[in-house]
């Protein structure tokens, strides 16, 4: 089960950069941005500002996973989501 890695260019804090992510992560970013009523670029900017020394692509993947886990926990509070 492989997913194609898609490279996209975005502008963060006034500079252009390229981000490589698998299609499901791009789709999840779009869904989260839509839910939060912001652009994907703005969401990536927020992730970038909070990532510290972590690689941006990795920070985005962790952000998407954390968001999913929080939604699952909220939907089923009796189900503990373990690491």
N, C-alpha and C. Protein backbone atom coordinates (compact mmCIF):
# COMPACT_ATOMS: atom_id res chain seq x y z
N UNK A 1 0.84 -1.17 0.00
CA UNK A 1 0.00 0.00 0.00
C UNK A 1 0.89 1.23 0.00
N UNK A 2 1.28 1.69 -1.16
CA UNK A 2 2.10 2.89 -1.27
C UNK A 2 1.28 4.08 -1.72
N UNK A 3 1.69 5.22 -1.28
CA UNK A 3 1.05 6.47 -1.69
C UNK A 3 2.10 7.35 -2.35
N UNK A 4 1.71 8.00 -3.41
CA UNK A 4 2.63 8.90 -4.10
C UNK A 4 2.95 10.10 -3.23
N UNK A 5 4.21 10.49 -3.25
CA UNK A 5 4.63 11.71 -2.56
C UNK A 5 4.45 12.86 -3.54
N UNK A 6 3.74 13.88 -3.07
CA UNK A 6 3.45 15.04 -3.91
C UNK A 6 4.19 16.24 -3.32
N UNK A 7 4.94 16.91 -4.18
CA UNK A 7 5.70 18.09 -3.75
C UNK A 7 4.93 19.33 -4.18
N UNK A 8 4.70 20.23 -3.22
CA UNK A 8 3.98 21.48 -3.50
C UNK A 8 4.78 22.65 -2.97
N UNK A 9 4.67 23.76 -3.64
CA UNK A 9 5.32 24.99 -3.18
C UNK A 9 4.32 25.83 -2.41
N UNK A 10 4.77 26.38 -1.29
CA UNK A 10 3.94 27.28 -0.49
C UNK A 10 4.80 28.46 -0.06
N UNK A 11 4.13 29.53 0.32
CA UNK A 11 4.81 30.70 0.84
C UNK A 11 4.57 30.76 2.34
N UNK A 12 5.66 30.78 3.11
CA UNK A 12 5.58 30.83 4.57
C UNK A 12 6.40 32.01 5.04
N UNK A 13 5.77 32.88 5.77
CA UNK A 13 6.45 34.06 6.33
C UNK A 13 7.21 34.81 5.24
N UNK A 14 6.61 34.92 4.08
CA UNK A 14 7.20 35.70 3.00
C UNK A 14 8.23 35.00 2.15
N UNK A 15 8.51 33.73 2.40
CA UNK A 15 9.45 33.02 1.53
C UNK A 15 8.84 31.72 1.01
N UNK A 16 9.24 31.36 -0.21
CA UNK A 16 8.72 30.16 -0.85
C UNK A 16 9.52 28.95 -0.39
N UNK A 17 8.81 27.85 -0.19
CA UNK A 17 9.46 26.59 0.15
C UNK A 17 8.64 25.45 -0.46
N UNK A 18 9.25 24.32 -0.63
CA UNK A 18 8.57 23.15 -1.16
C UNK A 18 8.38 22.14 -0.03
N UNK A 19 7.22 21.50 -0.04
CA UNK A 19 6.89 20.50 0.96
C UNK A 19 6.49 19.22 0.24
N UNK A 20 7.08 18.11 0.64
CA UNK A 20 6.75 16.81 0.07
C UNK A 20 5.97 16.00 1.09
N UNK A 21 4.74 15.63 0.71
CA UNK A 21 3.86 14.83 1.56
C UNK A 21 3.10 13.83 0.70
N UNK A 22 2.69 12.75 1.31
CA UNK A 22 1.84 11.78 0.63
C UNK A 22 0.45 12.38 0.45
N UNK A 23 -0.24 11.93 -0.61
CA UNK A 23 -1.59 12.45 -0.90
C UNK A 23 -2.55 12.47 0.29
N UNK A 24 -2.61 11.41 1.11
CA UNK A 24 -3.55 11.44 2.23
C UNK A 24 -3.27 12.59 3.22
N UNK A 25 -2.01 12.97 3.38
CA UNK A 25 -1.70 14.08 4.27
C UNK A 25 -2.12 15.41 3.66
N UNK A 26 -1.95 15.59 2.35
CA UNK A 26 -2.45 16.81 1.71
C UNK A 26 -3.96 16.89 1.84
N UNK A 27 -4.65 15.77 1.63
CA UNK A 27 -6.11 15.75 1.75
C UNK A 27 -6.54 16.09 3.17
N UNK A 28 -5.85 15.54 4.16
CA UNK A 28 -6.19 15.83 5.56
C UNK A 28 -5.93 17.29 5.90
N UNK A 29 -4.84 17.84 5.39
CA UNK A 29 -4.56 19.26 5.63
C UNK A 29 -5.69 20.13 5.07
N UNK A 30 -6.15 19.80 3.85
CA UNK A 30 -7.26 20.57 3.25
C UNK A 30 -8.51 20.47 4.12
N UNK A 31 -8.82 19.27 4.62
CA UNK A 31 -10.00 19.08 5.47
C UNK A 31 -9.88 19.87 6.77
N UNK A 32 -8.72 19.83 7.40
CA UNK A 32 -8.52 20.55 8.66
C UNK A 32 -8.61 22.06 8.41
N UNK A 33 -7.98 22.53 7.35
CA UNK A 33 -8.02 23.96 7.02
C UNK A 33 -9.46 24.41 6.76
N UNK A 34 -10.21 23.61 6.02
CA UNK A 34 -11.61 23.95 5.74
C UNK A 34 -12.42 23.98 7.03
N UNK A 35 -12.22 23.00 7.89
CA UNK A 35 -12.93 22.94 9.16
C UNK A 35 -12.61 24.16 10.02
N UNK A 36 -11.35 24.58 10.01
CA UNK A 36 -10.92 25.72 10.82
C UNK A 36 -11.07 27.06 10.09
N UNK A 37 -11.67 27.01 8.90
CA UNK A 37 -11.94 28.21 8.10
C UNK A 37 -10.68 29.04 7.83
N UNK A 38 -9.67 28.34 7.32
CA UNK A 38 -8.43 29.00 6.96
C UNK A 38 -7.87 28.34 5.71
N UNK A 39 -6.92 28.97 5.08
CA UNK A 39 -6.30 28.37 3.90
C UNK A 39 -5.30 27.31 4.34
N UNK A 40 -4.99 26.41 3.42
CA UNK A 40 -3.97 25.40 3.70
C UNK A 40 -2.64 26.10 3.97
N UNK A 41 -2.36 27.13 3.21
CA UNK A 41 -1.11 27.88 3.40
C UNK A 41 -1.04 28.49 4.80
N UNK A 42 -2.14 29.05 5.28
CA UNK A 42 -2.17 29.62 6.63
C UNK A 42 -1.98 28.53 7.68
N UNK A 43 -2.60 27.39 7.47
CA UNK A 43 -2.45 26.27 8.40
C UNK A 43 -1.00 25.79 8.43
N UNK A 44 -0.38 25.67 7.27
CA UNK A 44 1.03 25.27 7.22
C UNK A 44 1.89 26.33 7.92
N UNK A 45 1.55 27.60 7.76
CA UNK A 45 2.28 28.66 8.44
C UNK A 45 2.19 28.51 9.95
N UNK A 46 1.00 28.16 10.44
CA UNK A 46 0.81 27.95 11.88
C UNK A 46 1.64 26.76 12.37
N UNK A 47 1.62 25.67 11.61
CA UNK A 47 2.42 24.48 11.96
C UNK A 47 3.90 24.85 11.96
N UNK A 48 4.33 25.59 10.95
CA UNK A 48 5.72 26.00 10.84
C UNK A 48 6.16 26.83 12.05
N UNK A 49 5.30 27.73 12.48
CA UNK A 49 5.63 28.61 13.61
C UNK A 49 5.78 27.83 14.92
N UNK A 50 5.12 26.68 15.02
CA UNK A 50 5.11 25.91 16.26
C UNK A 50 6.03 24.69 16.25
N UNK A 51 6.74 24.45 15.15
CA UNK A 51 7.46 23.18 15.00
C UNK A 51 8.82 23.12 15.65
N UNK A 52 9.39 24.24 16.03
CA UNK A 52 10.73 24.22 16.61
C UNK A 52 11.75 23.76 15.59
N UNK A 53 12.60 22.80 15.97
CA UNK A 53 13.67 22.31 15.08
C UNK A 53 13.23 21.14 14.20
N UNK A 54 11.98 20.72 14.33
CA UNK A 54 11.49 19.56 13.58
C UNK A 54 11.37 19.90 12.09
N UNK A 55 11.66 18.93 11.25
CA UNK A 55 11.48 19.05 9.81
C UNK A 55 10.01 19.40 9.52
N UNK A 56 9.76 20.33 8.58
CA UNK A 56 8.39 20.78 8.33
C UNK A 56 7.47 19.66 7.86
N UNK A 57 7.92 18.84 6.94
CA UNK A 57 7.08 17.73 6.47
C UNK A 57 6.72 16.79 7.62
N UNK A 58 7.68 16.49 8.46
CA UNK A 58 7.41 15.64 9.63
C UNK A 58 6.45 16.33 10.59
N UNK A 59 6.64 17.62 10.81
CA UNK A 59 5.76 18.37 11.70
C UNK A 59 4.32 18.34 11.19
N UNK A 60 4.15 18.43 9.89
CA UNK A 60 2.80 18.39 9.30
C UNK A 60 2.19 17.00 9.51
N UNK A 61 2.96 15.96 9.29
CA UNK A 61 2.44 14.59 9.50
C UNK A 61 2.01 14.38 10.96
N UNK A 62 2.85 14.84 11.89
CA UNK A 62 2.52 14.70 13.31
C UNK A 62 1.29 15.53 13.65
N UNK A 63 1.18 16.73 13.09
CA UNK A 63 0.02 17.58 13.32
C UNK A 63 -1.26 16.89 12.86
N UNK A 64 -1.23 16.33 11.65
CA UNK A 64 -2.41 15.64 11.10
C UNK A 64 -2.77 14.44 11.98
N UNK A 65 -1.78 13.66 12.38
CA UNK A 65 -2.03 12.49 13.23
C UNK A 65 -2.62 12.92 14.58
N UNK A 66 -2.06 13.96 15.18
CA UNK A 66 -2.55 14.45 16.47
C UNK A 66 -3.98 14.94 16.34
N UNK A 67 -4.29 15.65 15.27
CA UNK A 67 -5.65 16.13 15.04
C UNK A 67 -6.62 14.96 14.93
N UNK A 68 -6.24 13.94 14.18
CA UNK A 68 -7.09 12.75 14.03
C UNK A 68 -7.31 12.06 15.37
N UNK A 69 -6.25 11.90 16.13
CA UNK A 69 -6.37 11.23 17.43
C UNK A 69 -7.28 12.02 18.37
N UNK A 70 -7.16 13.35 18.36
CA UNK A 70 -8.02 14.18 19.21
C UNK A 70 -9.49 14.06 18.80
N UNK A 71 -9.73 14.01 17.49
CA UNK A 71 -11.12 13.86 17.01
C UNK A 71 -11.67 12.50 17.38
N UNK A 72 -10.87 11.46 17.28
CA UNK A 72 -11.33 10.11 17.66
C UNK A 72 -11.62 10.05 19.15
N UNK A 73 -10.77 10.65 19.95
CA UNK A 73 -10.97 10.65 21.39
C UNK A 73 -12.23 11.43 21.77
N UNK A 74 -12.47 12.53 21.09
CA UNK A 74 -13.67 13.33 21.36
C UNK A 74 -14.93 12.57 20.94
N UNK A 75 -14.84 11.86 19.83
CA UNK A 75 -16.00 11.11 19.32
C UNK A 75 -16.32 9.91 20.20
N UNK A 76 -15.30 9.32 20.81
CA UNK A 76 -15.48 8.13 21.65
C UNK A 76 -14.70 8.29 22.93
N UNK A 77 -15.19 9.10 23.87
CA UNK A 77 -14.43 9.35 25.07
C UNK A 77 -14.18 8.09 25.92
N UNK A 78 -14.98 7.04 25.73
CA UNK A 78 -14.78 5.81 26.48
C UNK A 78 -13.67 4.96 25.89
N UNK A 79 -13.23 5.30 24.67
CA UNK A 79 -12.13 4.58 24.02
C UNK A 79 -10.85 5.37 24.22
N UNK A 80 -9.91 4.80 24.91
CA UNK A 80 -8.61 5.45 25.11
C UNK A 80 -7.78 5.22 23.86
N UNK A 81 -7.17 6.27 23.36
CA UNK A 81 -6.28 6.17 22.21
C UNK A 81 -4.87 6.14 22.76
N UNK A 82 -4.20 5.02 22.58
CA UNK A 82 -2.84 4.89 23.12
C UNK A 82 -1.81 5.14 22.04
N UNK A 83 -0.64 5.51 22.48
CA UNK A 83 0.45 5.81 21.54
C UNK A 83 1.07 4.58 20.96
